[in-house]
Amino acid sequence: SPVTHVIREVLKQRALPERVPDLWQSIEKLDFAVESQIPQSSGLGSSAALSVAIARFSLALLEQVAPKKDGLCDPLINDESVFSLAIEVEKKFQGVTSGMDVAAILSSQPIRFHRLHGATPLKIQKLPQFTLHDSQLRSQTAVQIQCVDSLRSRAPGLGDRLDSEMAE
């Protein structure tokens, strides 16, 4: 499965096969499957949620086999390491990511996201009630990113102006 492939790729990049060959042989026999009721390409961040889950799983596994000093190892699982690895994983699924969906998945509260500055908590005292409505429209993120890049190359000033208007 694609999920199994990504997990193996992440663990290979972190030299797990060389560090723990027996564990690697067990992992090579595993096949991961994902079941979800969220429709693909619905814009609800399901790839980011899956990327965060893969990052947490991979880091937890790597933490178990990390070299220990004085019986302890440096914790691998923290917000920064999970975010960084989840971004890497989401790029494998989508090609490009702003990081916004991953930041939202990792946050326990509403955030404002800026590509250069990351997530900032909004500190809302009382959350409004939200409802989600499925429009049945589907579009892959990678395709939309290509459309935006195409617009920027054809009319760079227009892309910058639209970004400015959305920031206000």
C-alpha atoms as a PDB file:
ATOM      1  CA  SER A   1       0.000   0.000   0.000  1.00  0.00           C
ATOM      2  CA  PRO A   2       1.151   3.633  -0.455  1.00  0.00           C
ATOM      3  CA  VAL A   3       1.093   4.127   3.333  1.00  0.00           C
ATOM      4  CA  THR A   4       3.333   1.108   3.891  1.00  0.00           C
ATOM      5  CA  HIS A   5       5.715   2.377   1.215  1.00  0.00           C
ATOM      6  CA  VAL A   6       5.971   5.831   2.829  1.00  0.00           C
ATOM      7  CA  ILE A   7       6.554   4.410   6.320  1.00  0.00           C
ATOM      8  CA  ARG A   8       9.333   2.160   5.014  1.00  0.00           C
ATOM      9  CA  GLU A   9      10.879   5.051   3.090  1.00  0.00           C
ATOM     10  CA  VAL A  10      10.862   7.306   6.186  1.00  0.00           C
ATOM     11  CA  LEU A  11      12.438   4.605   8.342  1.00  0.00           C
ATOM     12  CA  LYS A  12      15.037   3.758   5.677  1.00  0.00           C
ATOM     13  CA  GLN A  13      16.080   7.420   5.449  1.00  0.00           C
ATOM     14  CA  ARG A  14      16.727   7.315   9.186  1.00  0.00           C
ATOM     15  CA  ALA A  15      18.966   4.245   8.817  1.00  0.00           C
ATOM     16  CA  LEU A  16      16.690   1.847  10.695  1.00  0.00           C
ATOM     17  CA  PRO A  17      17.675  -1.163   8.517  1.00  0.00           C
ATOM     18  CA  GLU A  18      21.350  -0.737   9.419  1.00  0.00           C
ATOM     19  CA  ARG A  19      20.728   0.000  13.109  1.00  0.00           C
ATOM     20  CA  VAL A  20      18.245  -2.786  13.835  1.00  0.00           C
ATOM     21  CA  PRO A  21      18.208  -5.364  11.025  1.00  0.00           C
ATOM     22  CA  ASP A  22      15.894  -7.802  12.851  1.00  0.00           C
ATOM     23  CA  LEU A  23      13.282  -5.114  13.438  1.00  0.00           C
ATOM     24  CA  TRP A  24      13.597  -3.968   9.829  1.00  0.00           C
ATOM     25  CA  GLN A  25      12.879  -7.483   8.573  1.00  0.00           C
ATOM     26  CA  SER A  26       9.685  -7.519  10.660  1.00  0.00           C
ATOM     27  CA  ILE A  27       8.631  -4.118   9.324  1.00  0.00           C
ATOM     28  CA  GLU A  28       9.204  -5.238   5.742  1.00  0.00           C
ATOM     29  CA  LYS A  29       6.572  -7.941   6.304  1.00  0.00           C
ATOM     30  CA  LEU A  30       3.947  -5.481   7.578  1.00  0.00           C
ATOM     31  CA  ASP A  31       1.290  -3.944   5.383  1.00  0.00           C
ATOM     32  CA  PHE A  32      -0.498  -0.861   6.670  1.00  0.00           C
ATOM     33  CA  ALA A  33      -4.019  -0.017   5.585  1.00  0.00           C
ATOM     34  CA  VAL A  34      -6.066   3.120   6.187  1.00  0.00           C
ATOM     35  CA  GLU A  35      -9.821   3.168   6.563  1.00  0.00           C
ATOM     36  CA  SER A  36     -11.576   6.506   6.545  1.00  0.00           C
ATOM     37  CA  GLN A  37     -15.037   7.895   6.069  1.00  0.00           C
ATOM     38  CA  ILE A  38     -13.600  11.232   4.906  1.00  0.00           C
ATOM     39  CA  PRO A  39     -13.789  11.369   1.111  1.00  0.00           C
ATOM     40  CA  GLN A  40     -10.432  11.811  -0.624  1.00  0.00           C
ATOM     41  CA  SER A  41      -9.767  15.250  -2.102  1.00  0.00           C
ATOM     42  CA  SER A  42     -12.534  16.838  -0.031  1.00  0.00           C
ATOM     43  CA  GLY A  43     -10.302  19.567   1.408  1.00  0.00           C
ATOM     44  CA  LEU A  44     -10.620  18.404   5.015  1.00  0.00           C
ATOM     45  CA  GLY A  45      -6.919  17.761   5.626  1.00  0.00           C
ATOM     46  CA  SER A  46      -7.090  13.978   5.727  1.00  0.00           C
ATOM     47  CA  SER A  47      -3.647  13.646   4.105  1.00  0.00           C
ATOM     48  CA  ALA A  48      -2.211  15.898   6.827  1.00  0.00           C
ATOM     49  CA  ALA A  49      -3.865  13.780   9.533  1.00  0.00           C
ATOM     50  CA  LEU A  50      -2.416  10.637   7.955  1.00  0.00           C
ATOM     51  CA  SER A  51       1.003  12.320   7.654  1.00  0.00           C
ATOM     52  CA  VAL A  52       0.966  13.234  11.356  1.00  0.00           C
ATOM     53  CA  ALA A  53      -0.015   9.655  12.278  1.00  0.00           C
ATOM     54  CA  ILE A  54       2.812   8.234  10.148  1.00  0.00           C
ATOM     55  CA  ALA A  55       5.276  10.720  11.651  1.00  0.00           C
ATOM     56  CA  ARG A  56       4.250   9.844  15.214  1.00  0.00           C
ATOM     57  CA  PHE A  57       4.400   6.089  14.503  1.00  0.00           C
ATOM     58  CA  SER A  58       7.812   6.339  12.834  1.00  0.00           C
ATOM     59  CA  LEU A  59       9.301   8.533  15.561  1.00  0.00           C
ATOM     60  CA  ALA A  60       7.912   6.286  18.306  1.00  0.00           C
ATOM     61  CA  LEU A  61       9.498   3.277  16.627  1.00  0.00           C
ATOM     62  CA  LEU A  62      12.809   5.079  16.155  1.00  0.00           C
ATOM     63  CA  GLU A  63      12.722   6.248  19.772  1.00  0.00           C
ATOM     64  CA  GLN A  64      12.445   2.609  20.894  1.00  0.00           C
ATOM     65  CA  VAL A  65      15.669   1.706  19.100  1.00  0.00           C
ATOM     66  CA  ALA A  66      17.611   4.942  19.679  1.00  0.00           C
ATOM     67  CA  PRO A  67      20.978   4.576  21.350  1.00  0.00           C
ATOM     68  CA  LYS A  68      20.595   5.162  25.054  1.00  0.00           C
ATOM     69  CA  LYS A  69      22.931   7.128  27.283  1.00  0.00           C
ATOM     70  CA  ASP A  70      22.680   6.431  31.029  1.00  0.00           C
ATOM     71  CA  GLY A  71      19.607   4.300  30.346  1.00  0.00           C
ATOM     72  CA  LEU A  72      17.825   7.222  28.632  1.00  0.00           C
ATOM     73  CA  CYS A  73      17.585   8.511  25.112  1.00  0.00           C
ATOM     74  CA  ASP A  74      16.827  11.984  23.846  1.00  0.00           C
ATOM     75  CA  PRO A  75      13.094  12.102  23.166  1.00  0.00           C
ATOM     76  CA  LEU A  76      12.433  12.071  19.436  1.00  0.00           C
ATOM     77  CA  ILE A  77       8.741  12.815  19.725  1.00  0.00           C
ATOM     78  CA  ASN A  78       8.080  16.508  20.220  1.00  0.00           C
ATOM     79  CA  ASP A  79       5.953  19.036  18.349  1.00  0.00           C
ATOM     80  CA  GLU A  80       8.847  20.244  16.209  1.00  0.00           C
ATOM     81  CA  SER A  81      10.045  16.775  15.147  1.00  0.00           C
ATOM     82  CA  VAL A  82       6.504  15.547  14.443  1.00  0.00           C
ATOM     83  CA  PHE A  83       5.725  18.698  12.404  1.00  0.00           C
ATOM     84  CA  SER A  84       8.953  18.432  10.428  1.00  0.00           C
ATOM     85  CA  LEU A  85       8.528  14.736   9.619  1.00  0.00           C
ATOM     86  CA  ALA A  86       4.801  15.113   8.876  1.00  0.00           C
ATOM     87  CA  ILE A  87       5.629  17.854   6.337  1.00  0.00           C
ATOM     88  CA  GLU A  88       8.154  15.509   4.733  1.00  0.00           C
ATOM     89  CA  VAL A  89       5.548  12.730   4.590  1.00  0.00           C
ATOM     90  CA  GLU A  90       2.786  14.982   3.240  1.00  0.00           C
ATOM     91  CA  LYS A  91       5.105  16.088   0.429  1.00  0.00           C
ATOM     92  CA  LYS A  92       5.393  12.416  -0.555  1.00  0.00           C
ATOM     93  CA  PHE A  93       1.589  12.269  -0.878  1.00  0.00           C
ATOM     94  CA  GLN A  94       0.960  15.688  -2.464  1.00  0.00           C
ATOM     95  CA  GLY A  95       4.268  16.948  -3.833  1.00  0.00           C
ATOM     96  CA  VAL A  96       3.937  20.359  -2.137  1.00  0.00           C
ATOM     97  CA  THR A  97       2.484  21.547   1.156  1.00  0.00           C
ATOM     98  CA  SER A  98       2.209  24.876   2.937  1.00  0.00           C
ATOM     99  CA  GLY A  99       2.230  23.186   6.335  1.00  0.00           C
ATOM    100  CA  MET A 100      -1.102  24.728   7.301  1.00  0.00           C
ATOM    101  CA  ASP A 101      -3.059  21.471   7.516  1.00  0.00           C
ATOM    102  CA  VAL A 102      -0.302  19.741   9.487  1.00  0.00           C
ATOM    103  CA  ALA A 103      -0.116  22.695  11.913  1.00  0.00           C
ATOM    104  CA  ALA A 104      -3.899  22.598  12.348  1.00  0.00           C
ATOM    105  CA  ILE A 105      -3.869  18.838  13.015  1.00  0.00           C
ATOM    106  CA  LEU A 106      -1.127  19.242  15.629  1.00  0.00           C
ATOM    107  CA  SER A 107      -2.813  22.175  17.368  1.00  0.00           C
ATOM    108  CA  SER A 108      -5.346  21.696  20.113  1.00  0.00           C
ATOM    109  CA  GLN A 109      -6.867  25.118  19.432  1.00  0.00           C
ATOM    110  CA  PRO A 110      -7.730  27.443  16.533  1.00  0.00           C
ATOM    111  CA  ILE A 111      -4.693  28.932  14.835  1.00  0.00           C
ATOM    112  CA  ARG A 112      -3.701  31.543  12.318  1.00  0.00           C
ATOM    113  CA  PHE A 113      -1.137  30.142   9.923  1.00  0.00           C
ATOM    114  CA  HIS A 114       1.512  32.025   7.985  1.00  0.00           C
ATOM    115  CA  ARG A 115       3.795  30.094   5.677  1.00  0.00           C
ATOM    116  CA  LEU A 116       6.914  31.927   6.905  1.00  0.00           C
ATOM    117  CA  HIS A 117       6.023  32.338  10.584  1.00  0.00           C
ATOM    118  CA  GLY A 118       4.082  29.127  11.238  1.00  0.00           C
ATOM    119  CA  ALA A 119       1.075  28.736  13.515  1.00  0.00           C
ATOM    120  CA  THR A 120      -0.078  31.293  16.067  1.00  0.00           C
ATOM    121  CA  PRO A 121      -2.812  30.354  18.558  1.00  0.00           C
ATOM    122  CA  LEU A 122      -5.852  32.635  18.269  1.00  0.00           C
ATOM    123  CA  LYS A 123      -6.673  32.416  21.996  1.00  0.00           C
ATOM    124  CA  ILE A 124     -10.416  32.456  21.423  1.00  0.00           C
ATOM    125  CA  GLN A 125     -12.265  32.443  24.746  1.00  0.00           C
ATOM    126  CA  LYS A 126     -15.401  30.733  23.473  1.00  0.00           C
ATOM    127  CA  LEU A 127     -15.389  28.593  20.366  1.00  0.00           C
ATOM    128  CA  PRO A 128     -18.272  29.027  17.958  1.00  0.00           C
ATOM    129  CA  GLN A 129     -20.274  26.008  16.874  1.00  0.00           C
ATOM    130  CA  PHE A 130     -19.147  24.689  13.523  1.00  0.00           C
ATOM    131  CA  THR A 131     -20.946  22.506  11.037  1.00  0.00           C
ATOM    132  CA  LEU A 132     -19.374  20.876   8.008  1.00  0.00           C
ATOM    133  CA  HIS A 133     -21.271  20.436   4.789  1.00  0.00           C
ATOM    134  CA  ASP A 134     -20.006  18.237   1.988  1.00  0.00           C
ATOM    135  CA  SER A 135     -20.415  19.968  -1.379  1.00  0.00           C
ATOM    136  CA  GLN A 136     -19.490  16.709  -3.139  1.00  0.00           C
ATOM    137  CA  LEU A 137     -16.857  18.691  -5.104  1.00  0.00           C
ATOM    138  CA  ARG A 138     -13.485  16.952  -5.203  1.00  0.00           C
ATOM    139  CA  SER A 139     -10.118  18.321  -6.204  1.00  0.00           C
ATOM    140  CA  GLN A 140      -6.619  17.110  -5.459  1.00  0.00           C
ATOM    141  CA  THR A 141      -4.376  19.596  -3.651  1.00  0.00           C
ATOM    142  CA  ALA A 142      -1.500  19.008  -6.080  1.00  0.00           C
ATOM    143  CA  VAL A 143      -3.742  19.979  -9.023  1.00  0.00           C
ATOM    144  CA  GLN A 144      -4.836  23.188  -7.270  1.00  0.00           C
ATOM    145  CA  ILE A 145      -1.228  24.082  -6.470  1.00  0.00           C
ATOM    146  CA  GLN A 146      -0.369  23.654 -10.162  1.00  0.00           C
ATOM    147  CA  CYS A 147      -3.241  26.016 -11.055  1.00  0.00           C
ATOM    148  CA  VAL A 148      -1.985  28.660  -8.615  1.00  0.00           C
ATOM    149  CA  ASP A 149       1.599  28.304  -9.866  1.00  0.00           C
ATOM    150  CA  SER A 150       0.359  28.653 -13.441  1.00  0.00           C
ATOM    151  CA  LEU A 151      -1.551  31.835 -12.534  1.00  0.00           C
ATOM    152  CA  ARG A 152       1.526  33.245 -10.803  1.00  0.00           C
ATOM    153  CA  SER A 153       3.722  32.598 -13.851  1.00  0.00           C
ATOM    154  CA  ARG A 154       1.173  34.153 -16.253  1.00  0.00           C
ATOM    155  CA  ALA A 155       0.327  37.144 -14.052  1.00  0.00           C
ATOM    156  CA  PRO A 156       2.735  37.499 -11.101  1.00  0.00           C
ATOM    157  CA  GLY A 157       1.260  40.810  -9.967  1.00  0.00           C
ATOM    158  CA  LEU A 158      -2.239  39.328  -9.786  1.00  0.00           C
ATOM    159  CA  GLY A 159      -1.089  36.432  -7.598  1.00  0.00           C
ATOM    160  CA  ASP A 160       0.650  38.808  -5.170  1.00  0.00           C
ATOM    161  CA  ARG A 161      -2.382  41.097  -5.057  1.00  0.00           C
ATOM    162  CA  LEU A 162      -4.754  38.205  -4.302  1.00  0.00           C
ATOM    163  CA  ASP A 163      -2.432  37.002  -1.538  1.00  0.00           C
ATOM    164  CA  SER A 164      -2.418  40.493  -0.017  1.00  0.00           C
ATOM    165  CA  GLU A 165      -6.218  40.715  -0.141  1.00  0.00           C
ATOM    166  CA  MET A 166      -6.587  37.335   1.572  1.00  0.00           C
ATOM    167  CA  ALA A 167      -4.149  38.400   4.300  1.00  0.00           C
ATOM    168  CA  GLU A 168      -6.344  41.362   5.241  1.00  0.00           C
END
